[in-house]
Amino acid sequence: MTFALTVSCATSVVVITASLCSVLVIMNDINKLSEDISLGMENFKDVSDVTWGNIMALHGGARQQSGSVQHGAPGKCGKEGPIGPDAGYCQCPSRSN
């Protein structure tokens, strides 16, 4: 009976040690994943900031070339802007050019 008790205790110690090691490995993997996601988000923010700057530069260049500022889009009710081809279907109050 003491042999069975010794084997059971030794097995329990091995299983508990393996479980603790597994928990530590999993926590390490989660921390690495969190760092990778944070780095990816920083890279995404940098790329989106550069892209937004390029869009604004292109939009500003187009605005300077046309010589007029346009707000809204054709067919959008309640917005100032050029009257588009679908203006006859708009339920907006009439606007003067």
N, C-alpha and C. Protein backbone atom coordinates (compact mmCIF):
# COMPACT_ATOMS: atom_id res chain seq x y z
N MET A 1 0.81 -1.19 0.00
CA MET A 1 0.00 0.00 0.00
C MET A 1 0.86 1.26 0.00
N THR A 2 1.98 1.24 0.65
CA THR A 2 2.84 2.41 0.66
C THR A 2 3.45 2.63 -0.72
N PHE A 3 3.67 1.56 -1.49
CA PHE A 3 4.19 1.70 -2.84
C PHE A 3 3.17 2.42 -3.72
N ALA A 4 1.91 2.06 -3.61
CA ALA A 4 0.85 2.70 -4.40
C ALA A 4 0.70 4.17 -4.02
N LEU A 5 0.85 4.46 -2.73
CA LEU A 5 0.76 5.85 -2.27
C LEU A 5 1.93 6.66 -2.79
N THR A 6 3.11 6.07 -2.81
CA THR A 6 4.30 6.76 -3.30
C THR A 6 4.17 7.05 -4.80
N VAL A 7 3.70 6.06 -5.55
CA VAL A 7 3.52 6.24 -6.99
C VAL A 7 2.46 7.31 -7.27
N SER A 8 1.40 7.29 -6.51
CA SER A 8 0.33 8.29 -6.69
C SER A 8 0.83 9.69 -6.39
N CYS A 9 1.60 9.86 -5.34
CA CYS A 9 2.15 11.17 -4.99
C CYS A 9 3.14 11.64 -6.06
N ALA A 10 3.99 10.74 -6.53
CA ALA A 10 4.98 11.11 -7.55
C ALA A 10 4.27 11.51 -8.85
N THR A 11 3.24 10.77 -9.20
CA THR A 11 2.48 11.09 -10.40
C THR A 11 1.79 12.44 -10.26
N SER A 12 1.25 12.70 -9.09
CA SER A 12 0.58 13.99 -8.85
C SER A 12 1.58 15.14 -8.97
N VAL A 13 2.77 14.97 -8.43
CA VAL A 13 3.78 16.01 -8.51
C VAL A 13 4.17 16.27 -9.96
N VAL A 14 4.33 15.21 -10.75
CA VAL A 14 4.69 15.36 -12.16
C VAL A 14 3.57 16.07 -12.92
N VAL A 15 2.33 15.70 -12.69
CA VAL A 15 1.20 16.31 -13.39
C VAL A 15 1.07 17.78 -13.00
N ILE A 16 1.21 18.10 -11.71
CA ILE A 16 1.10 19.49 -11.26
C ILE A 16 2.23 20.33 -11.84
N THR A 17 3.44 19.79 -11.85
CA THR A 17 4.58 20.52 -12.42
C THR A 17 4.37 20.76 -13.91
N ALA A 18 3.91 19.75 -14.64
CA ALA A 18 3.65 19.90 -16.07
C ALA A 18 2.55 20.94 -16.31
N SER A 19 1.54 20.95 -15.46
CA SER A 19 0.45 21.93 -15.61
C SER A 19 0.95 23.34 -15.38
N LEU A 20 1.78 23.53 -14.36
CA LEU A 20 2.32 24.87 -14.09
C LEU A 20 3.21 25.34 -15.23
N CYS A 21 4.02 24.44 -15.79
CA CYS A 21 4.86 24.80 -16.93
C CYS A 21 3.99 25.17 -18.13
N SER A 22 2.92 24.42 -18.34
CA SER A 22 2.02 24.73 -19.46
C SER A 22 1.38 26.10 -19.29
N VAL A 23 0.98 26.42 -18.07
CA VAL A 23 0.37 27.74 -17.81
C VAL A 23 1.37 28.84 -18.10
N LEU A 24 2.63 28.66 -17.68
CA LEU A 24 3.65 29.67 -17.94
C LEU A 24 3.90 29.84 -19.44
N VAL A 25 3.93 28.75 -20.19
CA VAL A 25 4.14 28.83 -21.64
C VAL A 25 2.96 29.56 -22.30
N ILE A 26 1.76 29.24 -21.87
CA ILE A 26 0.56 29.89 -22.44
C ILE A 26 0.56 31.39 -22.13
N MET A 27 0.91 31.75 -20.90
CA MET A 27 0.96 33.18 -20.54
C MET A 27 2.03 33.91 -21.37
N ASN A 28 3.16 33.26 -21.60
CA ASN A 28 4.21 33.85 -22.43
C ASN A 28 3.72 34.06 -23.86
N ASP A 29 3.02 33.08 -24.40
CA ASP A 29 2.47 33.20 -25.75
C ASP A 29 1.45 34.33 -25.84
N ILE A 30 0.62 34.47 -24.82
CA ILE A 30 -0.38 35.54 -24.82
C ILE A 30 0.30 36.90 -24.77
N ASN A 31 1.34 37.04 -23.96
CA ASN A 31 2.07 38.31 -23.89
C ASN A 31 2.73 38.64 -25.23
N LYS A 32 3.31 37.64 -25.89
CA LYS A 32 3.91 37.88 -27.20
C LYS A 32 2.85 38.30 -28.22
N LEU A 33 1.70 37.64 -28.18
CA LEU A 33 0.61 38.00 -29.09
C LEU A 33 0.15 39.43 -28.85
N SER A 34 0.04 39.81 -27.59
CA SER A 34 -0.37 41.18 -27.25
C SER A 34 0.64 42.20 -27.78
N GLU A 35 1.92 41.91 -27.63
CA GLU A 35 2.95 42.82 -28.14
C GLU A 35 2.90 42.90 -29.66
N ASP A 36 2.69 41.76 -30.33
CA ASP A 36 2.60 41.75 -31.79
C ASP A 36 1.41 42.56 -32.27
N ILE A 37 0.29 42.44 -31.58
CA ILE A 37 -0.91 43.19 -31.96
C ILE A 37 -0.67 44.69 -31.76
N SER A 38 -0.05 45.05 -30.64
CA SER A 38 0.24 46.47 -30.40
C SER A 38 1.16 47.04 -31.46
N LEU A 39 2.18 46.29 -31.83
CA LEU A 39 3.10 46.74 -32.87
C LEU A 39 2.37 46.86 -34.22
N GLY A 40 1.52 45.88 -34.51
CA GLY A 40 0.74 45.94 -35.75
C GLY A 40 -0.19 47.14 -35.79
N MET A 41 -0.79 47.46 -34.66
CA MET A 41 -1.67 48.63 -34.60
C MET A 41 -0.88 49.92 -34.79
N GLU A 42 0.33 49.99 -34.22
CA GLU A 42 1.16 51.17 -34.42
C GLU A 42 1.54 51.31 -35.89
N ASN A 43 1.90 50.20 -36.52
CA ASN A 43 2.24 50.23 -37.95
C ASN A 43 1.04 50.65 -38.78
N PHE A 44 -0.13 50.12 -38.45
CA PHE A 44 -1.35 50.48 -39.17
C PHE A 44 -1.64 51.97 -39.02
N LYS A 45 -1.46 52.49 -37.80
CA LYS A 45 -1.70 53.92 -37.58
C LYS A 45 -0.74 54.76 -38.40
N ASP A 46 0.52 54.36 -38.47
CA ASP A 46 1.49 55.10 -39.27
C ASP A 46 1.10 55.09 -40.75
N VAL A 47 0.72 53.93 -41.25
CA VAL A 47 0.34 53.82 -42.66
C VAL A 47 -0.93 54.63 -42.93
N SER A 48 -1.91 54.55 -42.02
CA SER A 48 -3.15 55.29 -42.25
C SER A 48 -2.91 56.80 -42.17
N ASP A 49 -2.01 57.25 -41.30
CA ASP A 49 -1.71 58.68 -41.22
C ASP A 49 -1.06 59.16 -42.52
N VAL A 50 -0.13 58.38 -43.05
CA VAL A 50 0.53 58.76 -44.30
C VAL A 50 -0.50 58.76 -45.44
N THR A 51 -1.34 57.74 -45.47
CA THR A 51 -2.36 57.65 -46.52
C THR A 51 -3.33 58.83 -46.43
N TRP A 52 -3.75 59.16 -45.21
CA TRP A 52 -4.67 60.29 -45.04
C TRP A 52 -4.00 61.59 -45.50
N GLY A 53 -2.72 61.75 -45.19
CA GLY A 53 -2.00 62.94 -45.66
C GLY A 53 -1.95 63.00 -47.17
N ASN A 54 -1.73 61.86 -47.81
CA ASN A 54 -1.72 61.81 -49.29
C ASN A 54 -3.10 62.15 -49.85
N ILE A 55 -4.13 61.64 -49.23
CA ILE A 55 -5.50 61.93 -49.70
C ILE A 55 -5.79 63.42 -49.56
N MET A 56 -5.42 63.99 -48.42
CA MET A 56 -5.67 65.41 -48.22
C MET A 56 -4.85 66.26 -49.19
N ALA A 57 -3.63 65.82 -49.49
CA ALA A 57 -2.81 66.57 -50.45
C ALA A 57 -3.44 66.50 -51.84
N LEU A 58 -3.93 65.34 -52.23
CA LEU A 58 -4.58 65.21 -53.53
C LEU A 58 -5.88 66.01 -53.57
N HIS A 59 -6.64 65.95 -52.51
CA HIS A 59 -7.91 66.67 -52.46
C HIS A 59 -7.65 68.19 -52.48
N GLY A 60 -6.64 68.63 -51.75
CA GLY A 60 -6.30 70.05 -51.75
C GLY A 60 -5.82 70.50 -53.11
N GLY A 61 -5.06 69.64 -53.81
CA GLY A 61 -4.59 69.97 -55.15
C GLY A 61 -5.74 70.07 -56.13
N ALA A 62 -6.71 69.19 -56.01
CA ALA A 62 -7.88 69.22 -56.89
C ALA A 62 -8.72 70.45 -56.61
N ARG A 63 -8.80 70.83 -55.36
CA ARG A 63 -9.58 72.01 -54.99
C ARG A 63 -8.94 73.26 -55.55
N GLN A 64 -7.61 73.35 -55.49
CA GLN A 64 -6.92 74.52 -56.02
C GLN A 64 -7.03 74.58 -57.54
N GLN A 65 -7.01 73.44 -58.21
CA GLN A 65 -7.10 73.44 -59.67
C GLN A 65 -8.48 73.88 -60.13
N SER A 66 -9.54 73.45 -59.43
CA SER A 66 -10.88 73.78 -59.89
C SER A 66 -11.25 75.22 -59.55
N GLY A 67 -10.61 75.78 -58.52
CA GLY A 67 -10.88 77.17 -58.16
C GLY A 67 -12.13 77.36 -57.35
N SER A 68 -12.81 76.30 -56.99
CA SER A 68 -14.01 76.44 -56.17
C SER A 68 -14.01 75.37 -55.09
N VAL A 69 -14.69 75.68 -54.04
CA VAL A 69 -14.82 74.74 -52.93
C VAL A 69 -16.19 74.10 -53.02
N GLN A 70 -16.23 72.79 -52.99
CA GLN A 70 -17.51 72.09 -53.07
C GLN A 70 -17.74 71.38 -51.76
N HIS A 71 -18.93 71.52 -51.22
CA HIS A 71 -19.31 70.82 -50.01
C HIS A 71 -20.39 69.82 -50.37
N GLY A 72 -20.31 68.66 -49.80
CA GLY A 72 -21.34 67.68 -50.06
C GLY A 72 -21.13 67.02 -51.40
N ALA A 73 -22.13 66.31 -51.83
CA ALA A 73 -22.06 65.61 -53.10
C ALA A 73 -23.37 65.80 -53.84
N PRO A 74 -23.34 65.69 -55.15
CA PRO A 74 -24.58 65.84 -55.89
C PRO A 74 -25.62 64.84 -55.42
N GLY A 75 -26.82 65.30 -55.26
CA GLY A 75 -27.91 64.41 -54.88
C GLY A 75 -28.06 64.23 -53.39
N LYS A 76 -27.20 64.84 -52.58
CA LYS A 76 -27.31 64.74 -51.13
C LYS A 76 -28.17 65.89 -50.65
N CYS A 77 -29.30 65.60 -50.11
CA CYS A 77 -30.24 66.63 -49.68
C CYS A 77 -29.68 67.42 -48.51
N GLY A 78 -29.93 68.72 -48.54
CA GLY A 78 -29.55 69.58 -47.44
C GLY A 78 -28.10 69.99 -47.44
N LYS A 79 -27.32 69.60 -48.40
CA LYS A 79 -25.90 69.94 -48.47
C LYS A 79 -25.69 70.94 -49.59
N GLU A 80 -24.78 71.86 -49.33
CA GLU A 80 -24.42 72.80 -50.39
C GLU A 80 -23.51 72.12 -51.38
N GLY A 81 -23.61 72.45 -52.61
CA GLY A 81 -22.75 71.87 -53.61
C GLY A 81 -23.40 71.99 -54.98
N PRO A 82 -22.73 71.47 -55.98
CA PRO A 82 -23.28 71.56 -57.32
C PRO A 82 -24.53 70.70 -57.43
N ILE A 83 -25.42 71.12 -58.30
CA ILE A 83 -26.63 70.34 -58.54
C ILE A 83 -26.28 69.25 -59.53
N GLY A 84 -26.51 68.01 -59.12
CA GLY A 84 -26.16 66.86 -59.96
C GLY A 84 -27.30 66.46 -60.86
N PRO A 85 -27.08 65.43 -61.70
CA PRO A 85 -28.10 64.99 -62.64
C PRO A 85 -29.34 64.42 -61.96
N ASP A 86 -29.21 64.00 -60.72
CA ASP A 86 -30.36 63.43 -60.03
C ASP A 86 -31.09 64.47 -59.17
N ALA A 87 -30.80 65.77 -59.37
CA ALA A 87 -31.40 66.82 -58.54
C ALA A 87 -32.91 66.88 -58.71
N GLY A 88 -33.42 66.48 -59.87
CA GLY A 88 -34.87 66.49 -60.09
C GLY A 88 -35.60 65.51 -59.19
N TYR A 89 -34.91 64.49 -58.72
CA TYR A 89 -35.54 63.48 -57.86
C TYR A 89 -35.38 63.81 -56.39
N CYS A 90 -34.59 64.80 -56.06
CA CYS A 90 -34.31 65.15 -54.67
C CYS A 90 -35.50 65.86 -54.07
N GLN A 91 -35.81 65.56 -52.82
CA GLN A 91 -36.90 66.19 -52.11
C GLN A 91 -36.46 67.44 -51.36
N CYS A 92 -35.28 67.94 -51.68
CA CYS A 92 -34.74 69.12 -51.01
C CYS A 92 -35.49 70.37 -51.43
N PRO A 93 -35.45 71.41 -50.58
CA PRO A 93 -35.95 72.69 -51.05
C PRO A 93 -35.05 73.20 -52.18
N SER A 94 -35.62 73.93 -53.12
CA SER A 94 -34.84 74.36 -54.27
C SER A 94 -33.75 75.33 -53.84
N ARG A 95 -32.64 75.26 -54.58
CA ARG A 95 -31.49 76.12 -54.31
C ARG A 95 -31.21 76.97 -55.54
N SER A 96 -30.68 78.14 -55.29
CA SER A 96 -30.28 78.96 -56.43
C SER A 96 -28.82 78.71 -56.74
N ASN A 97 -28.45 78.81 -58.00
CA ASN A 97 -27.05 78.58 -58.39
C ASN A 97 -26.27 79.77 -58.12
